Amino acid sequence: MSAPKTLQVSCVQLHWAKPLARNLARTLHYIRLAAEEGSRVVLFPETSLTGYYFPDVLKLAPRDIEAALDRTCQAATEAGIWVIAGTLRPTADRFLNLAHVISPRGKIVHEYAKIHMAGRDEQKYCRGGDKLSLFEIDGIRCTLAICRDGRHPEVYRLPAMLGAQILFHPSCSSDELEAVIWKRTSGRAQQPVGPNSRIFHCVANTVGQPPDGRQTSSGQSFIREPNGMPLAEAGWYQEEMITAILDLERADRSYALDSLNDPPFLKPYWEQMLKAVEARADRKPE
């Protein structure tokens, strides 16, 4: 079966410092809503199920995290759509910050671990993954970056060279109040990737403050064209869902492909890296 010419995508903006049970309830609600709106994919923010507030995350039992993820898989089946959700998963030493790609059959078909740690708590309690993301949704090649990963263009440009037309970018751009104000006035927490790759960019970010009130999140989730133009944008403060239809012919990946071919002396090195990216794409993060 050939890949579709268009793909309707929804991105959900959620609070980043709420309990697991509340996060799961909101996840189930928005999966149903995205399906009702006709979306084929719904993207949730970074650590959407566990939350990103480490004082709470550290108290979670691993079985409760797995149960929430299982219920999310079941909801994907019930809705008949693709779901991309996030967790902080404990390992033998530290946590992995994971994005889980769940098929309409309720199976986790791809997982990606965040590579570049951001905040102090994340740097203390987590370790980075060791692969780039490359997977398919209905025959459409896609890739993932998690929050800070988007500041490192190789994370998505190498997959774009391999055919990825969409970057799904779950984020939790939480920081001290002054830093968030800077992010809002200087541009965005997540810079659009289309102008240096020619692929679609779908960001699901967070909103809200933690219990101590010392931080906030920048909101402004967006879905952007390969030329950088916004197709849909969310606000700064509220939980909400945005939706857009992606015309996949517009994601020609031309800027990434230009880098692959010129200057010619770099091409053998690019090709060597691309082989390594493909070889690791299906590895389960551990």
C-alpha atoms as a PDB file:
ATOM      1  CA  MET A   1       0.000   0.000   0.000  1.00  0.00           C
ATOM      2  CA  SER A   2       1.382   3.388  -0.997  1.00  0.00           C
ATOM      3  CA  ALA A   3       1.785   6.169   1.544  1.00  0.00           C
ATOM      4  CA  PRO A   4      -1.021   8.753   1.762  1.00  0.00           C
ATOM      5  CA  LYS A   5      -0.610  12.204   0.239  1.00  0.00           C
ATOM      6  CA  THR A   6      -1.814  13.981   3.377  1.00  0.00           C
ATOM      7  CA  LEU A   7      -1.717  13.312   7.103  1.00  0.00           C
ATOM      8  CA  GLN A   8      -3.841  15.010   9.745  1.00  0.00           C
ATOM      9  CA  VAL A   9      -1.914  15.527  12.982  1.00  0.00           C
ATOM     10  CA  SER A  10      -2.937  16.818  16.402  1.00  0.00           C
ATOM     11  CA  CYS A  11      -0.529  18.125  19.058  1.00  0.00           C
ATOM     12  CA  VAL A  12      -1.657  18.286  22.686  1.00  0.00           C
ATOM     13  CA  GLN A  13      -0.381  20.867  25.161  1.00  0.00           C
ATOM     14  CA  LEU A  14      -0.505  19.639  28.790  1.00  0.00           C
ATOM     15  CA  HIS A  15       0.608  20.710  32.267  1.00  0.00           C
ATOM     16  CA  TRP A  16       4.049  19.311  33.130  1.00  0.00           C
ATOM     17  CA  ALA A  17       3.828  18.979  36.929  1.00  0.00           C
ATOM     18  CA  LYS A  18       0.681  16.989  37.629  1.00  0.00           C
ATOM     19  CA  PRO A  19       0.195  13.444  39.053  1.00  0.00           C
ATOM     20  CA  LEU A  20       0.272  10.323  36.895  1.00  0.00           C
ATOM     21  CA  ALA A  21      -3.447   9.550  37.314  1.00  0.00           C
ATOM     22  CA  ARG A  22      -4.422  13.028  36.159  1.00  0.00           C
ATOM     23  CA  ASN A  23      -2.005  12.892  33.229  1.00  0.00           C
ATOM     24  CA  LEU A  24      -3.445   9.554  32.112  1.00  0.00           C
ATOM     25  CA  ALA A  25      -7.014  10.859  32.288  1.00  0.00           C
ATOM     26  CA  ARG A  26      -6.108  13.871  30.138  1.00  0.00           C
ATOM     27  CA  THR A  27      -4.249  11.624  27.705  1.00  0.00           C
ATOM     28  CA  LEU A  28      -7.277   9.386  27.236  1.00  0.00           C
ATOM     29  CA  HIS A  29      -9.504  12.434  26.749  1.00  0.00           C
ATOM     30  CA  TYR A  30      -7.318  13.919  24.030  1.00  0.00           C
ATOM     31  CA  ILE A  31      -6.853  10.621  22.217  1.00  0.00           C
ATOM     32  CA  ARG A  32     -10.634  10.404  21.894  1.00  0.00           C
ATOM     33  CA  LEU A  33     -10.865  14.074  20.859  1.00  0.00           C
ATOM     34  CA  ALA A  34      -8.141  13.745  18.209  1.00  0.00           C
ATOM     35  CA  ALA A  35      -9.925  10.730  16.735  1.00  0.00           C
ATOM     36  CA  GLU A  36     -13.236  12.620  16.713  1.00  0.00           C
ATOM     37  CA  GLU A  37     -11.535  15.475  14.839  1.00  0.00           C
ATOM     38  CA  GLY A  38     -10.324  13.023  12.200  1.00  0.00           C
ATOM     39  CA  SER A  39      -6.619  13.031  13.073  1.00  0.00           C
ATOM     40  CA  ARG A  40      -4.480  10.032  12.239  1.00  0.00           C
ATOM     41  CA  VAL A  41      -1.746  10.938  14.753  1.00  0.00           C
ATOM     42  CA  VAL A  42      -1.833  12.619  18.154  1.00  0.00           C
ATOM     43  CA  LEU A  43       1.407  13.839  19.734  1.00  0.00           C
ATOM     44  CA  PHE A  44       1.746  14.472  23.471  1.00  0.00           C
ATOM     45  CA  PRO A  45       4.460  16.470  25.285  1.00  0.00           C
ATOM     46  CA  GLU A  46       7.704  15.169  26.745  1.00  0.00           C
ATOM     47  CA  THR A  47       7.090  12.793  29.707  1.00  0.00           C
ATOM     48  CA  SER A  48       3.358  13.312  29.198  1.00  0.00           C
ATOM     49  CA  LEU A  49       2.303  10.379  31.393  1.00  0.00           C
ATOM     50  CA  THR A  50       4.760  10.556  34.279  1.00  0.00           C
ATOM     51  CA  GLY A  51       5.173  14.319  34.217  1.00  0.00           C
ATOM     52  CA  TYR A  52       8.532  16.097  34.384  1.00  0.00           C
ATOM     53  CA  TYR A  53       8.393  17.202  38.045  1.00  0.00           C
ATOM     54  CA  PHE A  54      11.075  14.982  39.541  1.00  0.00           C
ATOM     55  CA  PRO A  55      10.011  15.197  43.220  1.00  0.00           C
ATOM     56  CA  ASP A  56       6.824  13.380  42.131  1.00  0.00           C
ATOM     57  CA  VAL A  57       8.420  11.155  39.473  1.00  0.00           C
ATOM     58  CA  LEU A  58      10.918   9.718  41.948  1.00  0.00           C
ATOM     59  CA  LYS A  59       8.032   8.399  44.055  1.00  0.00           C
ATOM     60  CA  LEU A  60       6.331   6.542  41.181  1.00  0.00           C
ATOM     61  CA  ALA A  61       6.299   2.744  41.169  1.00  0.00           C
ATOM     62  CA  PRO A  62       7.520   1.268  37.853  1.00  0.00           C
ATOM     63  CA  ARG A  63       4.404  -0.927  37.670  1.00  0.00           C
ATOM     64  CA  ASP A  64       2.197   2.194  37.767  1.00  0.00           C
ATOM     65  CA  ILE A  65       4.130   3.751  34.882  1.00  0.00           C
ATOM     66  CA  GLU A  66       3.765   0.547  32.845  1.00  0.00           C
ATOM     67  CA  ALA A  67       0.048   0.331  33.666  1.00  0.00           C
ATOM     68  CA  ALA A  68      -0.500   3.902  32.435  1.00  0.00           C
ATOM     69  CA  LEU A  69       1.392   3.139  29.229  1.00  0.00           C
ATOM     70  CA  ASP A  70      -0.642  -0.055  28.731  1.00  0.00           C
ATOM     71  CA  ARG A  71      -3.877   1.900  29.152  1.00  0.00           C
ATOM     72  CA  THR A  72      -2.633   4.446  26.597  1.00  0.00           C
ATOM     73  CA  CYS A  73      -1.955   1.608  24.143  1.00  0.00           C
ATOM     74  CA  GLN A  74      -5.478   0.327  24.694  1.00  0.00           C
ATOM     75  CA  ALA A  75      -6.875   3.810  24.035  1.00  0.00           C
ATOM     76  CA  ALA A  76      -4.953   3.995  20.754  1.00  0.00           C
ATOM     77  CA  THR A  77      -6.655   0.753  19.698  1.00  0.00           C
ATOM     78  CA  GLU A  78     -10.081   2.008  20.743  1.00  0.00           C
ATOM     79  CA  ALA A  79      -9.593   5.241  18.807  1.00  0.00           C
ATOM     80  CA  GLY A  80      -7.871   3.601  15.840  1.00  0.00           C
ATOM     81  CA  ILE A  81      -5.122   6.221  15.614  1.00  0.00           C
ATOM     82  CA  TRP A  82      -1.374   6.594  16.170  1.00  0.00           C
ATOM     83  CA  VAL A  83      -0.332   7.960  19.564  1.00  0.00           C
ATOM     84  CA  ILE A  84       3.063   9.341  20.610  1.00  0.00           C
ATOM     85  CA  ALA A  85       3.307   9.587  24.396  1.00  0.00           C
ATOM     86  CA  GLY A  86       6.175  10.090  26.838  1.00  0.00           C
ATOM     87  CA  THR A  87       7.447   8.638  30.107  1.00  0.00           C
ATOM     88  CA  LEU A  88      10.412   8.757  32.427  1.00  0.00           C
ATOM     89  CA  ARG A  89      11.348   5.081  32.807  1.00  0.00           C
ATOM     90  CA  PRO A  90      13.693   3.880  35.565  1.00  0.00           C
ATOM     91  CA  THR A  91      16.579   1.621  34.559  1.00  0.00           C
ATOM     92  CA  ALA A  92      19.275  -0.122  36.582  1.00  0.00           C
ATOM     93  CA  ASP A  93      21.147   3.131  37.101  1.00  0.00           C
ATOM     94  CA  ARG A  94      19.194   6.206  35.966  1.00  0.00           C
ATOM     95  CA  PHE A  95      16.014   7.191  34.153  1.00  0.00           C
ATOM     96  CA  LEU A  96      15.490   7.275  30.400  1.00  0.00           C
ATOM     97  CA  ASN A  97      13.345  10.056  28.965  1.00  0.00           C
ATOM     98  CA  LEU A  98      11.317   8.159  26.364  1.00  0.00           C
ATOM     99  CA  ALA A  99       8.904   8.803  23.525  1.00  0.00           C
ATOM    100  CA  HIS A 100       6.720   5.791  22.670  1.00  0.00           C
ATOM    101  CA  VAL A 101       5.189   5.460  19.196  1.00  0.00           C
ATOM    102  CA  ILE A 102       1.978   3.446  19.537  1.00  0.00           C
ATOM    103  CA  SER A 103       0.205   2.020  16.479  1.00  0.00           C
ATOM    104  CA  PRO A 104      -3.581   1.942  15.960  1.00  0.00           C
ATOM    105  CA  ARG A 105      -3.342  -1.743  16.984  1.00  0.00           C
ATOM    106  CA  GLY A 106      -2.081  -0.707  20.384  1.00  0.00           C
ATOM    107  CA  LYS A 107       1.501  -1.867  19.882  1.00  0.00           C
ATOM    108  CA  ILE A 108       4.589   0.153  20.766  1.00  0.00           C
ATOM    109  CA  VAL A 109       6.400  -0.008  17.431  1.00  0.00           C
ATOM    110  CA  HIS A 110       9.222   2.457  18.130  1.00  0.00           C
ATOM    111  CA  GLU A 111      10.868   4.033  21.157  1.00  0.00           C
ATOM    112  CA  TYR A 112      13.343   6.884  21.305  1.00  0.00           C
ATOM    113  CA  ALA A 113      15.366   8.046  24.315  1.00  0.00           C
ATOM    114  CA  LYS A 114      16.224  11.728  24.627  1.00  0.00           C
ATOM    115  CA  ILE A 115      19.907  12.309  23.894  1.00  0.00           C
ATOM    116  CA  HIS A 116      20.692  15.752  25.321  1.00  0.00           C
ATOM    117  CA  MET A 117      19.732  16.299  28.956  1.00  0.00           C
ATOM    118  CA  ALA A 118      18.458  19.747  29.867  1.00  0.00           C
ATOM    119  CA  GLY A 119      17.425  20.847  33.381  1.00  0.00           C
ATOM    120  CA  ARG A 120      19.367  20.237  36.618  1.00  0.00           C
ATOM    121  CA  ASP A 121      17.098  17.435  37.799  1.00  0.00           C
ATOM    122  CA  GLU A 122      17.188  15.723  34.422  1.00  0.00           C
ATOM    123  CA  GLN A 123      20.975  15.910  34.315  1.00  0.00           C
ATOM    124  CA  LYS A 124      21.102  14.445  37.820  1.00  0.00           C
ATOM    125  CA  TYR A 125      18.607  11.609  37.421  1.00  0.00           C
ATOM    126  CA  CYS A 126      18.664  10.722  33.691  1.00  0.00           C
ATOM    127  CA  ARG A 127      21.101   9.544  31.056  1.00  0.00           C
ATOM    128  CA  GLY A 128      20.907  10.030  27.312  1.00  0.00           C
ATOM    129  CA  GLY A 129      20.009   7.571  24.585  1.00  0.00           C
ATOM    130  CA  ASP A 130      22.387   6.332  21.901  1.00  0.00           C
ATOM    131  CA  LYS A 131      20.451   6.357  18.638  1.00  0.00           C
ATOM    132  CA  LEU A 132      18.530   8.655  16.305  1.00  0.00           C
ATOM    133  CA  SER A 133      14.875   8.102  15.556  1.00  0.00           C
ATOM    134  CA  LEU A 134      13.578   6.704  12.260  1.00  0.00           C
ATOM    135  CA  PHE A 135      10.177   5.013  11.913  1.00  0.00           C
ATOM    136  CA  GLU A 136       7.095   4.906   9.714  1.00  0.00           C
ATOM    137  CA  ILE A 137       3.490   5.979  10.161  1.00  0.00           C
ATOM    138  CA  ASP A 138       1.257   4.577   7.416  1.00  0.00           C
ATOM    139  CA  GLY A 139       4.288   4.287   5.142  1.00  0.00           C
ATOM    140  CA  ILE A 140       5.481   7.858   5.853  1.00  0.00           C
ATOM    141  CA  ARG A 141       9.009   8.074   7.220  1.00  0.00           C
ATOM    142  CA  CYS A 142       9.193  10.156  10.401  1.00  0.00           C
ATOM    143  CA  THR A 143      11.634  11.064  13.150  1.00  0.00           C
ATOM    144  CA  LEU A 144      11.587  12.212  16.784  1.00  0.00           C
ATOM    145  CA  ALA A 145      13.496  14.705  18.893  1.00  0.00           C
ATOM    146  CA  ILE A 146      12.716  15.404  22.546  1.00  0.00           C
ATOM    147  CA  CYS A 147      12.898  19.017  23.749  1.00  0.00           C
ATOM    148  CA  ARG A 148      16.602  20.035  23.938  1.00  0.00           C
ATOM    149  CA  ASP A 149      17.438  17.536  21.154  1.00  0.00           C
ATOM    150  CA  GLY A 150      15.938  20.014  18.692  1.00  0.00           C
ATOM    151  CA  ARG A 151      18.866  22.374  19.326  1.00  0.00           C
ATOM    152  CA  HIS A 152      21.116  19.813  17.640  1.00  0.00           C
ATOM    153  CA  PRO A 153      20.238  19.739  13.907  1.00  0.00           C
ATOM    154  CA  GLU A 154      21.984  16.435  13.204  1.00  0.00           C
ATOM    155  CA  VAL A 155      19.302  14.707  15.308  1.00  0.00           C
ATOM    156  CA  TYR A 156      16.648  15.362  12.665  1.00  0.00           C
ATOM    157  CA  ARG A 157      18.651  16.209   9.526  1.00  0.00           C
ATOM    158  CA  LEU A 158      20.265  12.766   9.297  1.00  0.00           C
ATOM    159  CA  PRO A 159      16.829  11.072   9.427  1.00  0.00           C
ATOM    160  CA  ALA A 160      15.623  13.619   6.843  1.00  0.00           C
ATOM    161  CA  MET A 161      18.423  12.490   4.528  1.00  0.00           C
ATOM    162  CA  LEU A 162      17.039   8.963   4.990  1.00  0.00           C
ATOM    163  CA  GLY A 163      13.529   9.986   3.986  1.00  0.00           C
ATOM    164  CA  ALA A 164      11.883  11.400   7.133  1.00  0.00           C
ATOM    165  CA  GLN A 165       9.290  14.017   6.157  1.00  0.00           C
ATOM    166  CA  ILE A 166       7.964  14.839   9.625  1.00  0.00           C
ATOM    167  CA  LEU A 167       9.728  15.700  12.873  1.00  0.00           C
ATOM    168  CA  PHE A 168       7.576  14.937  15.915  1.00  0.00           C
ATOM    169  CA  HIS A 169       8.973  17.007  18.757  1.00  0.00           C
ATOM    170  CA  PRO A 170       7.568  16.404  22.262  1.00  0.00           C
ATOM    171  CA  SER A 171       8.846  19.041  24.654  1.00  0.00           C
ATOM    172  CA  CYS A 172       8.669  20.281  28.234  1.00  0.00           C
ATOM    173  CA  SER A 173      10.206  23.710  27.965  1.00  0.00           C
ATOM    174  CA  SER A 174      10.020  24.481  31.693  1.00  0.00           C
ATOM    175  CA  ASP A 175      12.472  26.836  33.328  1.00  0.00           C
ATOM    176  CA  GLU A 176      12.859  29.664  35.834  1.00  0.00           C
ATOM    177  CA  LEU A 177      10.445  32.500  35.180  1.00  0.00           C
ATOM    178  CA  GLU A 178      13.065  34.863  33.746  1.00  0.00           C
ATOM    179  CA  ALA A 179      14.359  32.209  31.347  1.00  0.00           C
ATOM    180  CA  VAL A 180      10.872  31.499  30.014  1.00  0.00           C
ATOM    181  CA  ILE A 181      10.270  35.203  29.427  1.00  0.00           C
ATOM    182  CA  TRP A 182      13.524  35.289  27.455  1.00  0.00           C
ATOM    183  CA  LYS A 183      12.419  32.298  25.381  1.00  0.00           C
ATOM    184  CA  ARG A 184       9.143  34.016  24.540  1.00  0.00           C
ATOM    185  CA  THR A 185      10.663  37.355  23.599  1.00  0.00           C
ATOM    186  CA  SER A 186      13.687  35.998  21.725  1.00  0.00           C
ATOM    187  CA  GLY A 187      11.694  33.734  19.458  1.00  0.00           C
ATOM    188  CA  ARG A 188      10.567  30.338  20.652  1.00  0.00           C
ATOM    189  CA  ALA A 189      11.616  27.560  22.968  1.00  0.00           C
ATOM    190  CA  GLN A 190      11.733  25.329  19.880  1.00  0.00           C
ATOM    191  CA  GLN A 191      13.140  26.879  16.733  1.00  0.00           C
ATOM    192  CA  PRO A 192      11.396  25.809  13.493  1.00  0.00           C
ATOM    193  CA  VAL A 193      13.377  23.155  11.637  1.00  0.00           C
ATOM    194  CA  GLY A 194      11.779  23.476   8.203  1.00  0.00           C
ATOM    195  CA  PRO A 195      14.013  26.347   7.028  1.00  0.00           C
ATOM    196  CA  ASN A 196      17.117  24.156   7.377  1.00  0.00           C
ATOM    197  CA  SER A 197      15.660  20.798   6.365  1.00  0.00           C
ATOM    198  CA  ARG A 198      12.383  21.203   4.399  1.00  0.00           C
ATOM    199  CA  ILE A 199      10.376  18.806   6.599  1.00  0.00           C
ATOM    200  CA  PHE A 200       7.244  19.294   8.725  1.00  0.00           C
ATOM    201  CA  HIS A 201       7.742  20.178  12.393  1.00  0.00           C
ATOM    202  CA  CYS A 202       5.131  19.172  14.999  1.00  0.00           C
ATOM    203  CA  VAL A 203       5.763  20.352  18.573  1.00  0.00           C
ATOM    204  CA  ALA A 204       3.741  19.384  21.649  1.00  0.00           C
ATOM    205  CA  ASN A 205       4.946  21.506  24.568  1.00  0.00           C
ATOM    206  CA  THR A 206       3.837  22.001  28.172  1.00  0.00           C
ATOM    207  CA  VAL A 207       2.285  24.744  30.306  1.00  0.00           C
ATOM    208  CA  GLY A 208       1.952  25.497  33.999  1.00  0.00           C
ATOM    209  CA  GLN A 209       3.926  25.825  37.223  1.00  0.00           C
ATOM    210  CA  PRO A 210       5.175  23.282  39.772  1.00  0.00           C
ATOM    211  CA  PRO A 211       3.949  23.314  43.403  1.00  0.00           C
ATOM    212  CA  ASP A 212       6.709  25.706  44.553  1.00  0.00           C
ATOM    213  CA  GLY A 213       5.797  28.266  41.862  1.00  0.00           C
ATOM    214  CA  ARG A 214       9.437  28.875  40.932  1.00  0.00           C
ATOM    215  CA  GLN A 215       9.221  27.741  37.335  1.00  0.00           C
ATOM    216  CA  THR A 216       6.808  27.871  34.435  1.00  0.00           C
ATOM    217  CA  SER A 217       6.595  26.556  30.884  1.00  0.00           C
ATOM    218  CA  SER A 218       6.557  28.420  27.613  1.00  0.00           C
ATOM    219  CA  GLY A 219       3.617  26.748  25.860  1.00  0.00           C
ATOM    220  CA  GLN A 220       3.380  27.762  22.202  1.00  0.00           C
ATOM    221  CA  SER A 221       3.052  24.269  20.724  1.00  0.00           C
ATOM    222  CA  PHE A 222       2.971  24.460  16.945  1.00  0.00           C
ATOM    223  CA  ILE A 223       2.666  22.612  13.650  1.00  0.00           C
ATOM    224  CA  ARG A 224       4.813  24.166  10.927  1.00  0.00           C
ATOM    225  CA  GLU A 225       5.230  23.795   7.194  1.00  0.00           C
ATOM    226  CA  PRO A 226       8.562  22.783   5.634  1.00  0.00           C
ATOM    227  CA  ASN A 227       9.030  26.477   4.809  1.00  0.00           C
ATOM    228  CA  GLY A 228       8.623  27.390   8.488  1.00  0.00           C
ATOM    229  CA  MET A 229       5.122  28.872   8.180  1.00  0.00           C
ATOM    230  CA  PRO A 230       2.789  28.004  11.095  1.00  0.00           C
ATOM    231  CA  LEU A 231      -0.246  25.878  10.273  1.00  0.00           C
ATOM    232  CA  ALA A 232      -1.463  25.844  13.883  1.00  0.00           C
ATOM    233  CA  GLU A 233      -0.234  27.360  17.148  1.00  0.00           C
ATOM    234  CA  ALA A 234      -1.212  27.041  20.799  1.00  0.00           C
ATOM    235  CA  GLY A 235      -1.181  29.700  23.513  1.00  0.00           C
ATOM    236  CA  TRP A 236       1.219  30.306  26.379  1.00  0.00           C
ATOM    237  CA  TYR A 237      -0.833  29.204  29.371  1.00  0.00           C
ATOM    238  CA  GLN A 238      -3.655  26.766  28.727  1.00  0.00           C
ATOM    239  CA  GLU A 239      -3.969  23.075  27.980  1.00  0.00           C
ATOM    240  CA  GLU A 240      -5.315  22.626  24.473  1.00  0.00           C
ATOM    241  CA  MET A 241      -5.062  20.664  21.241  1.00  0.00           C
ATOM    242  CA  ILE A 242      -4.082  22.011  17.838  1.00  0.00           C
ATOM    243  CA  THR A 243      -4.611  20.224  14.524  1.00  0.00           C
ATOM    244  CA  ALA A 244      -3.417  20.571  10.944  1.00  0.00           C
ATOM    245  CA  ILE A 245      -3.372  18.630   7.677  1.00  0.00           C
ATOM    246  CA  LEU A 246       0.090  18.011   6.257  1.00  0.00           C
ATOM    247  CA  ASP A 247       0.479  18.026   2.454  1.00  0.00           C
ATOM    248  CA  LEU A 248       3.374  15.600   2.292  1.00  0.00           C
ATOM    249  CA  GLU A 249       4.520  16.595  -1.184  1.00  0.00           C
ATOM    250  CA  ARG A 250       5.708  19.850   0.352  1.00  0.00           C
ATOM    251  CA  ALA A 251       8.217  18.005   2.552  1.00  0.00           C
ATOM    252  CA  ASP A 252      10.821  17.421  -0.162  1.00  0.00           C
ATOM    253  CA  ARG A 253      13.762  17.388   2.336  1.00  0.00           C
ATOM    254  CA  SER A 254      15.746  19.411  -0.190  1.00  0.00           C
ATOM    255  CA  TYR A 255      17.999  21.305   2.224  1.00  0.00           C
ATOM    256  CA  ALA A 256      19.018  18.110   4.009  1.00  0.00           C
ATOM    257  CA  LEU A 257      19.657  16.391   0.680  1.00  0.00           C
ATOM    258  CA  ASP A 258      21.714  19.343  -0.545  1.00  0.00           C
ATOM    259  CA  SER A 259      23.972  18.906   2.481  1.00  0.00           C
ATOM    260  CA  LEU A 260      24.310  15.213   1.691  1.00  0.00           C
ATOM    261  CA  ASN A 261      25.571  15.933  -1.811  1.00  0.00           C
ATOM    262  CA  ASP A 262      27.646  19.083  -1.382  1.00  0.00           C
ATOM    263  CA  PRO A 263      30.455  19.642  -0.701  1.00  0.00           C
ATOM    264  CA  PRO A 264      31.379  16.337  -2.350  1.00  0.00           C
ATOM    265  CA  PHE A 265      34.277  15.564   0.025  1.00  0.00           C
ATOM    266  CA  LEU A 266      31.806  15.168   2.920  1.00  0.00           C
ATOM    267  CA  LYS A 267      29.458  12.752   1.151  1.00  0.00           C
ATOM    268  CA  PRO A 268      31.317   9.530   2.114  1.00  0.00           C
ATOM    269  CA  TYR A 269      31.173  10.575   5.773  1.00  0.00           C
ATOM    270  CA  TRP A 270      27.474  11.387   5.577  1.00  0.00           C
ATOM    271  CA  GLU A 271      26.819   8.000   3.973  1.00  0.00           C
ATOM    272  CA  GLN A 272      28.751   6.238   6.709  1.00  0.00           C
ATOM    273  CA  MET A 273      26.671   8.006   9.371  1.00  0.00           C
ATOM    274  CA  LEU A 274      23.419   7.224   7.567  1.00  0.00           C
ATOM    275  CA  LYS A 275      24.227   3.513   7.594  1.00  0.00           C
ATOM    276  CA  ALA A 276      24.812   3.708  11.332  1.00  0.00           C
ATOM    277  CA  VAL A 277      21.524   5.588  11.897  1.00  0.00           C
ATOM    278  CA  GLU A 278      19.532   2.943  10.003  1.00  0.00           C
ATOM    279  CA  ALA A 279      21.326   0.072  11.737  1.00  0.00           C
ATOM    280  CA  ARG A 280      20.375   1.402  15.191  1.00  0.00           C
ATOM    281  CA  ALA A 281      16.862   2.701  14.455  1.00  0.00           C
ATOM    282  CA  ASP A 282      14.993  -0.343  15.755  1.00  0.00           C
ATOM    283  CA  ARG A 283      17.090  -0.858  18.884  1.00  0.00           C
ATOM    284  CA  LYS A 284      15.119  -0.669  22.109  1.00  0.00           C
ATOM    285  CA  PRO A 285      16.532   2.009  24.411  1.00  0.00           C
ATOM    286  CA  GLU A 286      18.063   0.415  27.511  1.00  0.00           C
END
